[in-house]
C-alpha atoms as a PDB file:
ATOM      1  CA  UNK A   1      60.055 189.637  70.683  1.00  0.00           C
ATOM      2  CA  UNK A   2      58.187 186.500  70.361  1.00  0.00           C
ATOM      3  CA  UNK A   3      58.590 183.396  72.483  1.00  0.00           C
ATOM      4  CA  UNK A   4      56.930 180.051  72.269  1.00  0.00           C
ATOM      5  CA  UNK A   5      56.360 177.815  75.062  1.00  0.00           C
ATOM      6  CA  UNK A   6      55.219 174.380  74.454  1.00  0.00           C
ATOM      7  CA  UNK A   7      53.884 172.403  77.242  1.00  0.00           C
ATOM      8  CA  UNK A   8      53.122 168.847  77.291  1.00  0.00           C
ATOM      9  CA  UNK A   9      51.963 166.030  80.022  1.00  0.00           C
ATOM     10  CA  UNK A  10      54.775 164.308  81.251  1.00  0.00           C
ATOM     11  CA  UNK A  11      55.615 160.538  80.026  1.00  0.00           C
ATOM     12  CA  UNK A  12      53.384 158.122  82.354  1.00  0.00           C
ATOM     13  CA  UNK A  13      50.726 161.180  83.197  1.00  0.00           C
ATOM     14  CA  UNK A  14      47.295 159.837  81.938  1.00  0.00           C
ATOM     15  CA  UNK A  15      46.051 162.244  79.299  1.00  0.00           C
ATOM     16  CA  UNK A  16      42.314 161.819  78.951  1.00  0.00           C
ATOM     17  CA  UNK A  17      41.958 164.672  76.128  1.00  0.00           C
ATOM     18  CA  UNK A  18      44.438 162.766  74.073  1.00  0.00           C
ATOM     19  CA  UNK A  19      42.638 159.549  74.532  1.00  0.00           C
ATOM     20  CA  UNK A  20      39.459 161.175  73.481  1.00  0.00           C
ATOM     21  CA  UNK A  21      41.064 162.630  70.294  1.00  0.00           C
ATOM     22  CA  UNK A  22      42.644 159.078  69.458  1.00  0.00           C
ATOM     23  CA  UNK A  23      39.099 157.280  69.947  1.00  0.00           C
ATOM     24  CA  UNK A  24      37.524 160.261  68.078  1.00  0.00           C
ATOM     25  CA  UNK A  25      40.047 159.572  64.872  1.00  0.00           C
ATOM     26  CA  UNK A  26      39.413 155.643  65.056  1.00  0.00           C
ATOM     27  CA  UNK A  27      35.667 156.378  64.806  1.00  0.00           C
ATOM     28  CA  UNK A  28      36.178 158.611  61.813  1.00  0.00           C
ATOM     29  CA  UNK A  29      38.046 155.682  60.177  1.00  0.00           C
ATOM     30  CA  UNK A  30      41.866 156.631  60.891  1.00  0.00           C
ATOM     31  CA  UNK A  31      42.815 153.091  62.408  1.00  0.00           C
ATOM     32  CA  UNK A  32      46.343 153.736  62.378  1.00  0.00           C
ATOM     33  CA  UNK A  33      46.380 156.028  65.457  1.00  0.00           C
ATOM     34  CA  UNK A  34      48.171 154.046  68.272  1.00  0.00           C
ATOM     35  CA  UNK A  35      48.133 157.277  70.660  1.00  0.00           C
ATOM     36  CA  UNK A  36      47.652 160.847  71.230  1.00  0.00           C
ATOM     37  CA  UNK A  37      49.119 163.349  73.659  1.00  0.00           C
ATOM     38  CA  UNK A  38      47.566 167.005  73.791  1.00  0.00           C
ATOM     39  CA  UNK A  39      49.450 169.822  74.681  1.00  0.00           C
ATOM     40  CA  UNK A  40      49.467 173.542  74.606  1.00  0.00           C
ATOM     41  CA  UNK A  41      51.300 175.958  72.913  1.00  0.00           C
ATOM     42  CA  UNK A  42      51.984 179.601  74.420  1.00  0.00           C
ATOM     43  CA  UNK A  43      53.156 182.660  72.234  1.00  0.00           C
ATOM     44  CA  UNK A  44      54.481 185.281  74.261  1.00  0.00           C
ATOM     45  CA  UNK A  45      55.080 188.869  73.047  1.00  0.00           C
ATOM     46  CA  UNK A  46      57.778 190.270  75.294  1.00  0.00           C
ATOM     47  CA  UNK A  47      59.740 193.189  75.619  1.00  0.00           C
ATOM     48  CA  UNK A  48      63.414 193.224  74.237  1.00  0.00           C
ATOM     49  CA  UNK A  49      65.824 192.404  77.130  1.00  0.00           C
ATOM     50  CA  UNK A  50      63.572 189.514  78.475  1.00  0.00           C
ATOM     51  CA  UNK A  51      66.014 186.934  79.276  1.00  0.00           C
ATOM     52  CA  UNK A  52      65.757 183.249  79.230  1.00  0.00           C
ATOM     53  CA  UNK A  53      65.669 183.229  82.812  1.00  0.00           C
ATOM     54  CA  UNK A  54      62.418 185.276  82.886  1.00  0.00           C
ATOM     55  CA  UNK A  55      60.640 183.012  80.386  1.00  0.00           C
ATOM     56  CA  UNK A  56      61.672 179.796  82.737  1.00  0.00           C
ATOM     57  CA  UNK A  57      60.510 181.709  85.810  1.00  0.00           C
ATOM     58  CA  UNK A  58      56.990 182.241  84.076  1.00  0.00           C
ATOM     59  CA  UNK A  59      56.795 178.514  83.455  1.00  0.00           C
ATOM     60  CA  UNK A  60      57.358 177.184  86.742  1.00  0.00           C
ATOM     61  CA  UNK A  61      55.208 179.696  88.171  1.00  0.00           C
ATOM     62  CA  UNK A  62      52.510 179.876  85.966  1.00  0.00           C
ATOM     63  CA  UNK A  63      52.251 178.259  82.662  1.00  0.00           C
ATOM     64  CA  UNK A  64      53.147 174.741  83.289  1.00  0.00           C
ATOM     65  CA  UNK A  65      52.160 172.634  86.322  1.00  0.00           C
ATOM     66  CA  UNK A  66      55.649 171.223  86.644  1.00  0.00           C
ATOM     67  CA  UNK A  67      54.456 168.457  88.732  1.00  0.00           C
ATOM     68  CA  UNK A  68      52.646 166.630  85.633  1.00  0.00           C
ATOM     69  CA  UNK A  69      54.031 168.881  82.757  1.00  0.00           C
ATOM     70  CA  UNK A  70      57.326 169.393  81.139  1.00  0.00           C
ATOM     71  CA  UNK A  71      57.791 172.500  78.901  1.00  0.00           C
ATOM     72  CA  UNK A  72      60.303 173.663  76.476  1.00  0.00           C
ATOM     73  CA  UNK A  73      61.122 177.413  75.558  1.00  0.00           C
ATOM     74  CA  UNK A  74      61.760 178.456  71.909  1.00  0.00           C
ATOM     75  CA  UNK A  75      63.441 181.929  71.935  1.00  0.00           C
ATOM     76  CA  UNK A  76      65.382 183.606  68.975  1.00  0.00           C
END
């Protein structure tokens, strides 16, 4: 079973990588970009029967730093 986890910095947390991308886009002539937030996508190939609670526990314990990041789980 394929599961996708999207991890992003929480609103209000500074995103220096996103700011660097925004600045680089401006330098390349893309002046209409007012902000960039950078995150990560984690794809998990899990055994059938793995519960959403198991995936949530994975996120809470390892995949996301829940102090500064939020996450969303997409399960079939």
